Amino acid sequence: MSLSFPPKFALVLAGAIAVACSPAPEAEQAQAAPPAVQTEGLDPAAMATVVAQARALPNLHALIVARDGEVLAEHRLRGPSLDQPVNIKSASKTVLSALVGIAIDRGVLAGTDQKIAPLLADNLPAGGDPRLKDIEVGHLLSMQAGLGRTSGQYYGAWVTSPNWVRHALARPFDDDPGGRMIYSTGTSHLMSAALTRAAGTSTHSLAQDWLAQPLGVTIPPWLRDPQGVYFGGNDMMMSPKALLRFGELYRLGGEIDGRRILSEAWIAESWTPRTRSPWSGHAYGYGWFTKQAGGHDVHFAWGYGGQMLFVVPSLDLTVVMISDPSPRPREESHVGELHALLDGGIIPAAIQGAPAASGQP
């Protein structure tokens, strides 16, 4: 289903001069990044329209567009700098999936069919549902554990409980393991706890050693549960530039700067649709959503409020959009507007622009 721009975007400013002359907040005037240099990788007129539309979104803080590894648009619209770690919300689930893939590659975890109950045995509820023993690593990554949600209206009770892992495992089953998608941050937290137990070290330590250091980025410590397990599905901190680097790792098949970090097979597994969101309708794999736009597959990480990482392999595109992490009031239309920027602006700009340096037609 194609997305169209809201009516306010129909008023595209007449040329770059009008855009440049429009008033901006004092803070933005003082800190605004210099205009991005356009290259043959993106159609300049189409991208000028995209940037004008991006500036009109009050919740959008940052926009970075790279093609074939070259940053062609880089805009701090408001908020923190592009180098400052920010809360990527549920895009944390996508980073966690990468850590699980590396753990499997290294033999720390046996595979996606490994049962999690033995790893979390000390937190299994007495007399619990026997289906707890059927939950596998892959079920946690694809939100198919079957356990009732800890997100939405159940979130507060969960994060104020004395033991998040035990609380999540005690939720009643809404489906069998491997069944329909039940989006729940508690499910991702179970994955962080299982990984911590299997590796004998914290999820943050693994993120530092397996991702941050080889990628040359910063992933500072983030929230932990009362038992010290790092939050598995929320509140991870990465800068927009670091998130772009992470997306490039996937676009390049797991090898970057001549160093193999993640297996190509794991990326293919992660991008394979296994279920579908009952809300958005997007397919979901291991921590990644997938859709089509302009005839191209788009894989994306999605955090609350509009923390977005898009990878379009067939166009050599990696796109980061960072937004207000806690919009007040909640801005339901904002994420749709971000998808519209990609589908109706950035992807057409790539299609209309000259081929990327890799020779992709």
Protein backbone atom coordinates (compact mmCIF):
# COMPACT_ATOMS: atom_id res chain seq x y z
CA MET A 1 0.00 0.00 0.00
CA SER A 2 1.61 3.26 -1.08
CA LEU A 3 1.81 6.21 1.26
CA SER A 4 0.94 9.71 0.14
CA PHE A 5 2.15 12.94 1.66
CA PRO A 6 -0.21 14.84 3.99
CA PRO A 7 -1.81 17.96 2.50
CA LYS A 8 0.65 20.26 4.23
CA PHE A 9 3.43 18.78 2.15
CA ALA A 10 1.67 19.76 -1.07
CA LEU A 11 2.91 23.26 -0.49
CA VAL A 12 6.43 22.58 -1.68
CA LEU A 13 8.46 25.77 -1.54
CA ALA A 14 9.38 27.23 -4.91
CA GLY A 15 13.03 26.37 -5.14
CA ALA A 16 15.92 26.18 -2.75
CA ILE A 17 16.04 29.98 -2.28
CA ALA A 18 12.63 30.05 -0.66
CA VAL A 19 13.64 27.16 1.59
CA ALA A 20 16.86 28.85 2.64
CA CYS A 21 15.12 32.12 3.40
CA SER A 22 12.37 30.67 5.57
CA PRO A 23 12.63 31.59 9.26
CA ALA A 24 14.17 29.07 11.65
CA PRO A 25 14.31 28.87 15.46
CA GLU A 26 17.26 30.67 17.02
CA ALA A 27 18.77 27.42 18.27
CA GLU A 28 18.64 25.96 14.79
CA GLN A 29 20.15 29.09 13.25
CA ALA A 30 23.03 28.83 15.70
CA GLN A 31 23.70 25.10 15.28
CA ALA A 32 22.33 24.13 11.87
CA ALA A 33 24.60 21.87 9.83
CA PRO A 34 25.85 23.21 6.49
CA PRO A 35 23.83 22.20 3.43
CA ALA A 36 24.54 18.66 2.27
CA VAL A 37 26.49 18.32 -0.95
CA GLN A 38 24.43 16.65 -3.66
CA THR A 39 26.13 14.09 -5.91
CA GLU A 40 25.02 12.03 -8.86
CA GLY A 41 23.65 9.34 -6.51
CA LEU A 42 20.40 11.20 -5.76
CA ASP A 43 18.31 13.53 -7.91
CA PRO A 44 19.05 17.03 -6.50
CA ALA A 45 15.59 18.53 -7.14
CA ALA A 46 13.82 15.57 -5.55
CA MET A 47 16.12 15.70 -2.52
CA ALA A 48 15.59 19.46 -2.12
CA THR A 49 11.89 18.70 -1.81
CA VAL A 50 12.59 15.91 0.71
CA VAL A 51 14.67 18.22 2.90
CA ALA A 52 12.02 20.96 2.79
CA GLN A 53 9.39 18.41 3.85
CA ALA A 54 11.66 17.06 6.59
CA ARG A 55 12.15 20.55 8.02
CA ALA A 56 8.37 20.94 8.19
CA LEU A 57 8.04 17.95 10.55
CA PRO A 58 8.27 19.37 14.09
CA ASN A 59 9.16 16.01 15.67
CA LEU A 60 11.93 15.08 13.23
CA HIS A 61 15.39 15.79 14.64
CA ALA A 62 17.81 14.28 12.12
CA LEU A 63 17.94 12.90 8.58
CA ILE A 64 20.91 11.07 7.04
CA VAL A 65 20.85 9.46 3.58
CA ALA A 66 23.78 7.38 2.29
CA ARG A 67 24.10 5.66 -1.06
CA ASP A 68 26.73 3.01 -1.65
CA GLY A 69 28.39 4.12 1.58
CA GLU A 70 28.61 7.82 0.68
CA VAL A 71 26.60 10.26 2.79
CA LEU A 72 24.65 12.41 0.33
CA ALA A 73 22.31 14.17 2.76
CA GLU A 74 23.09 14.91 6.40
CA HIS A 75 20.79 17.26 8.31
CA ARG A 76 20.47 18.02 11.99
CA LEU A 77 17.09 19.72 11.92
CA ARG A 78 16.77 20.24 15.67
CA GLY A 79 17.69 18.41 18.86
CA PRO A 80 21.06 16.77 19.66
CA SER A 81 24.01 16.66 17.29
CA LEU A 82 24.41 13.79 14.85
CA ASP A 83 27.32 12.42 16.92
CA GLN A 84 25.46 12.38 20.24
CA PRO A 85 23.98 9.04 21.42
CA VAL A 86 20.20 9.23 21.69
CA ASN A 87 17.49 6.81 22.78
CA ILE A 88 16.65 4.63 19.78
CA LYS A 89 13.72 3.04 21.62
CA SER A 90 12.54 -0.24 20.05
CA ALA A 91 15.14 -0.07 17.31
CA SER A 92 17.14 -1.63 20.16
CA LYS A 93 15.43 -4.90 19.22
CA THR A 94 17.19 -4.83 15.86
CA VAL A 95 20.60 -4.32 17.46
CA LEU A 96 19.84 -7.13 19.92
CA SER A 97 19.07 -9.40 16.97
CA ALA A 98 22.54 -8.67 15.56
CA LEU A 99 24.11 -9.67 18.89
CA VAL A 100 22.17 -12.93 18.84
CA GLY A 101 23.38 -13.62 15.31
CA ILE A 102 26.99 -13.08 16.37
CA ALA A 103 26.44 -15.27 19.44
CA ILE A 104 25.22 -18.09 17.19
CA ASP A 105 28.15 -17.61 14.81
CA ARG A 106 30.54 -17.86 17.78
CA GLY A 107 28.84 -20.86 19.36
CA VAL A 108 27.65 -18.94 22.42
CA LEU A 109 24.10 -19.89 21.43
CA ALA A 110 23.31 -23.14 19.64
CA GLY A 111 20.94 -21.64 17.08
CA THR A 112 17.49 -20.14 16.66
CA ASP A 113 15.89 -23.46 17.66
CA GLN A 114 17.61 -23.46 21.06
CA LYS A 115 15.11 -23.62 23.94
CA ILE A 116 15.35 -20.72 26.37
CA ALA A 117 13.84 -22.41 29.45
CA PRO A 118 17.14 -24.04 30.57
CA LEU A 119 18.89 -20.65 30.38
CA LEU A 120 16.17 -18.95 32.44
CA ALA A 121 15.35 -21.86 34.73
CA ASP A 122 15.74 -19.88 37.97
CA ASN A 123 13.03 -17.47 36.82
CA LEU A 124 10.45 -19.96 35.55
CA PRO A 125 7.25 -19.63 37.61
CA ALA A 126 6.37 -22.60 39.81
CA GLY A 127 3.65 -24.61 38.12
CA GLY A 128 3.97 -22.47 35.01
CA ASP A 129 2.46 -23.22 31.64
CA PRO A 130 4.24 -26.23 30.09
CA ARG A 131 4.51 -24.29 26.82
CA LEU A 132 7.32 -22.25 28.42
CA LYS A 133 9.61 -25.18 27.61
CA ASP A 134 8.74 -24.86 23.91
CA ILE A 135 9.88 -21.24 23.45
CA GLU A 136 12.93 -20.96 21.23
CA VAL A 137 15.46 -18.21 20.56
CA GLY A 138 13.89 -17.58 17.17
CA HIS A 139 10.46 -17.15 18.74
CA LEU A 140 11.80 -14.34 20.92
CA LEU A 141 13.40 -12.56 17.97
CA SER A 142 10.29 -12.75 15.78
CA MET A 143 7.79 -11.92 18.56
CA GLN A 144 6.21 -15.36 18.29
CA ALA A 145 6.80 -16.55 21.86
CA GLY A 146 3.05 -16.70 22.48
CA LEU A 147 3.32 -14.97 25.86
CA GLY A 148 0.94 -12.14 26.66
CA ARG A 149 2.19 -8.62 26.06
CA THR A 150 4.18 -6.48 28.48
CA SER A 151 3.91 -3.49 26.12
CA GLY A 152 1.06 -1.00 25.82
CA GLN A 153 -1.28 -1.00 28.80
CA TYR A 154 0.78 -3.72 30.52
CA TYR A 155 4.10 -1.87 30.33
CA GLY A 156 3.90 0.04 33.61
CA ALA A 157 3.16 -3.01 35.75
CA TRP A 158 5.99 -4.88 34.09
CA VAL A 159 8.77 -2.29 34.50
CA THR A 160 7.78 -1.61 38.11
CA SER A 161 7.85 -5.30 39.00
CA PRO A 162 10.75 -6.57 41.16
CA ASN A 163 11.86 -9.09 38.53
CA TRP A 164 11.21 -8.28 34.87
CA VAL A 165 12.25 -11.69 33.55
CA ARG A 166 10.06 -13.61 35.99
CA HIS A 167 7.14 -11.26 35.32
CA ALA A 168 7.41 -11.72 31.53
CA LEU A 169 7.62 -15.52 31.88
CA ALA A 170 4.53 -15.50 34.11
CA ARG A 171 2.35 -13.75 31.53
CA PRO A 172 -0.52 -15.94 30.30
CA PHE A 173 -0.12 -17.40 26.82
CA ASP A 174 -2.16 -15.73 24.09
CA ASP A 175 -0.98 -18.20 21.44
CA ASP A 176 1.32 -21.19 21.12
CA PRO A 177 5.05 -20.58 20.61
CA GLY A 178 5.63 -20.08 16.89
CA GLY A 179 2.13 -18.71 16.36
CA ARG A 180 1.04 -15.17 15.51
CA MET A 181 3.07 -12.05 16.21
CA ILE A 182 2.49 -10.66 19.71
CA TYR A 183 4.57 -7.50 19.95
CA SER A 184 6.00 -7.33 23.46
CA THR A 185 9.15 -5.68 24.75
CA GLY A 186 9.19 -8.26 27.54
CA THR A 187 9.81 -10.92 24.91
CA SER A 188 12.94 -9.06 23.76
CA HIS A 189 14.04 -8.65 27.36
CA LEU A 190 13.87 -12.42 27.79
CA MET A 191 16.30 -12.62 24.86
CA SER A 192 18.70 -10.22 26.57
CA ALA A 193 18.51 -12.28 29.77
CA ALA A 194 19.08 -15.56 27.91
CA LEU A 195 22.02 -14.08 26.01
CA THR A 196 23.51 -12.72 29.23
CA ARG A 197 23.27 -16.16 30.86
CA ALA A 198 24.70 -18.00 27.85
CA ALA A 199 27.61 -15.59 27.39
CA GLY A 200 28.40 -15.10 31.06
CA THR A 201 28.62 -11.34 30.56
CA SER A 202 26.27 -8.42 30.08
CA THR A 203 24.45 -7.48 26.89
CA HIS A 204 26.23 -4.12 27.03
CA SER A 205 29.65 -5.81 27.16
CA LEU A 206 28.71 -7.88 24.14
CA ALA A 207 27.48 -4.80 22.30
CA GLN A 208 30.79 -3.08 23.06
CA ASP A 209 33.00 -6.00 22.01
CA TRP A 210 31.00 -7.35 19.07
CA LEU A 211 29.55 -4.19 17.52
CA ALA A 212 30.73 -0.85 18.91
CA GLN A 213 34.46 -1.56 18.80
CA PRO A 214 34.64 -3.13 15.33
CA LEU A 215 32.26 -0.54 13.87
CA GLY A 216 34.13 2.34 15.50
CA VAL A 217 31.02 3.69 17.22
CA THR A 218 29.90 4.38 20.78
CA ILE A 219 27.17 2.40 22.57
CA PRO A 220 27.08 3.72 26.16
CA PRO A 221 25.41 1.80 29.00
CA TRP A 222 21.62 1.96 29.07
CA LEU A 223 18.82 0.98 31.46
CA ARG A 224 19.05 -2.31 33.40
CA ASP A 225 16.40 -4.29 35.23
CA PRO A 226 16.51 -4.84 39.03
CA GLN A 227 18.70 -7.94 38.51
CA GLY A 228 21.17 -6.02 36.35
CA VAL A 229 20.10 -7.38 32.94
CA TYR A 230 20.35 -4.70 30.26
CA PHE A 231 17.00 -3.77 28.78
CA GLY A 232 16.58 -6.06 25.80
CA GLY A 233 14.07 -4.16 23.74
CA ASN A 234 14.22 -0.47 24.58
CA ASP A 235 16.33 2.51 25.63
CA MET A 236 19.60 1.59 23.90
CA MET A 237 21.67 4.69 23.08
CA MET A 238 23.24 5.27 19.65
CA SER A 239 23.96 8.42 17.70
CA PRO A 240 22.36 8.93 14.27
CA LYS A 241 25.78 8.42 12.67
CA ALA A 242 26.34 5.22 14.67
CA LEU A 243 22.94 3.90 13.62
CA LEU A 244 23.84 4.63 10.00
CA ARG A 245 27.06 2.66 10.43
CA PHE A 246 25.06 -0.25 11.87
CA GLY A 247 22.71 -0.12 8.88
CA GLU A 248 25.68 -0.13 6.52
CA LEU A 249 26.88 -3.34 8.17
CA TYR A 250 23.67 -5.04 7.07
CA ARG A 251 23.63 -3.46 3.63
CA LEU A 252 27.16 -4.74 3.02
CA GLY A 253 26.31 -8.29 4.05
CA GLY A 254 27.98 -8.25 7.46
CA GLU A 255 31.50 -7.26 6.36
CA ILE A 256 32.67 -3.66 6.67
CA ASP A 257 36.12 -2.10 6.19
CA GLY A 258 37.45 -5.55 5.32
CA ARG A 259 36.32 -7.05 8.63
CA ARG A 260 33.67 -9.74 8.98
CA ILE A 261 31.40 -8.84 11.93
CA LEU A 262 28.15 -10.61 11.11
CA SER A 263 27.48 -13.56 8.84
CA GLU A 264 25.71 -12.95 5.56
CA ALA A 265 23.51 -15.94 6.36
CA TRP A 266 22.28 -14.27 9.55
CA ILE A 267 21.30 -11.14 7.67
CA ALA A 268 19.30 -13.24 5.20
CA GLU A 269 17.66 -15.04 8.13
CA SER A 270 16.86 -11.75 9.86
CA TRP A 271 15.25 -10.27 6.73
CA THR A 272 13.16 -13.37 5.99
CA PRO A 273 9.51 -12.61 6.87
CA ARG A 274 8.21 -14.94 9.58
CA THR A 275 5.09 -13.17 10.76
CA ARG A 276 3.21 -9.91 10.23
CA SER A 277 2.32 -6.98 12.46
CA PRO A 278 -1.40 -6.88 13.26
CA TRP A 279 -1.18 -3.06 13.44
CA SER A 280 0.97 -1.93 10.53
CA GLY A 281 0.64 -5.00 8.33
CA HIS A 282 4.41 -5.02 7.76
CA ALA A 283 6.21 -8.35 7.62
CA TYR A 284 8.59 -9.10 10.48
CA GLY A 285 11.69 -11.28 10.67
CA TYR A 286 14.33 -11.36 13.39
CA GLY A 287 14.13 -7.80 14.71
CA TRP A 288 13.53 -6.26 11.26
CA PHE A 289 10.33 -5.12 9.56
CA THR A 290 10.07 -5.46 5.77
CA LYS A 291 7.92 -3.73 3.17
CA GLN A 292 8.06 -2.77 -0.50
CA ALA A 293 8.32 0.77 -1.89
CA GLY A 294 8.71 1.68 -5.54
CA GLY A 295 9.18 -1.98 -6.38
CA HIS A 296 12.12 -2.33 -3.96
CA ASP A 297 12.38 -4.33 -0.73
CA VAL A 298 12.86 -2.08 2.30
CA HIS A 299 14.09 -3.52 5.60
CA PHE A 300 13.73 -1.28 8.62
CA ALA A 301 14.19 -0.91 12.36
CA TRP A 302 11.46 1.03 14.12
CA GLY A 303 11.57 2.72 17.50
CA TYR A 304 8.76 4.55 19.27
CA GLY A 305 8.27 8.16 18.24
CA GLY A 306 10.03 7.71 14.90
CA GLN A 307 13.52 6.28 15.43
CA MET A 308 13.97 4.73 11.98
CA LEU A 309 16.72 2.89 10.15
CA PHE A 310 15.91 1.94 6.53
CA VAL A 311 18.03 -0.29 4.30
CA VAL A 312 17.15 -0.63 0.60
CA PRO A 313 19.74 -3.11 -0.75
CA SER A 314 18.72 -2.92 -4.42
CA LEU A 315 19.33 0.86 -4.42
CA ASP A 316 22.40 0.76 -2.12
CA LEU A 317 20.49 3.06 0.26
CA THR A 318 20.82 3.40 4.02
CA VAL A 319 18.64 6.05 5.68
CA VAL A 320 18.42 7.18 9.31
CA MET A 321 15.64 9.32 10.75
CA ILE A 322 15.74 10.31 14.42
CA SER A 323 12.75 11.94 16.10
CA ASP A 324 11.51 13.23 19.44
CA PRO A 325 11.65 9.99 21.48
CA SER A 326 8.67 10.85 23.66
CA PRO A 327 6.28 13.09 21.73
CA ARG A 328 3.65 14.85 23.85
CA PRO A 329 0.93 14.47 22.87
CA ARG A 330 1.60 11.20 21.13
CA GLU A 331 2.02 11.88 17.41
CA GLU A 332 0.40 8.92 15.66
CA SER A 333 0.77 10.38 12.17
CA HIS A 334 4.49 11.12 12.44
CA VAL A 335 5.78 7.64 11.60
CA GLY A 336 3.56 7.59 8.51
CA GLU A 337 5.07 10.91 7.46
CA LEU A 338 8.56 9.42 7.82
CA HIS A 339 7.60 6.48 5.61
CA ALA A 340 6.22 9.00 3.11
CA LEU A 341 9.55 10.83 3.06
CA LEU A 342 11.26 7.57 2.13
CA ASP A 343 8.66 6.12 -0.24
CA GLY A 344 7.61 9.31 -2.01
CA GLY A 345 10.87 11.24 -1.85
CA ILE A 346 14.14 9.47 -1.12
CA ILE A 347 13.52 6.29 -3.10
CA PRO A 348 12.33 8.22 -6.20
CA ALA A 349 15.37 10.51 -5.82
CA ALA A 350 17.60 7.42 -5.90
CA ILE A 351 15.76 5.93 -8.87
CA GLN A 352 15.94 9.24 -10.78
CA GLY A 353 19.56 9.83 -9.82
CA ALA A 354 22.52 8.28 -11.60
CA PRO A 355 23.40 4.69 -10.65
CA ALA A 356 25.30 4.21 -7.43
CA ALA A 357 29.05 3.76 -7.60
CA SER A 358 28.68 -0.02 -7.30
CA GLY A 359 27.20 -0.13 -10.78
CA GLN A 360 23.72 -1.10 -9.58
CA PRO A 361 21.29 -0.47 -12.49
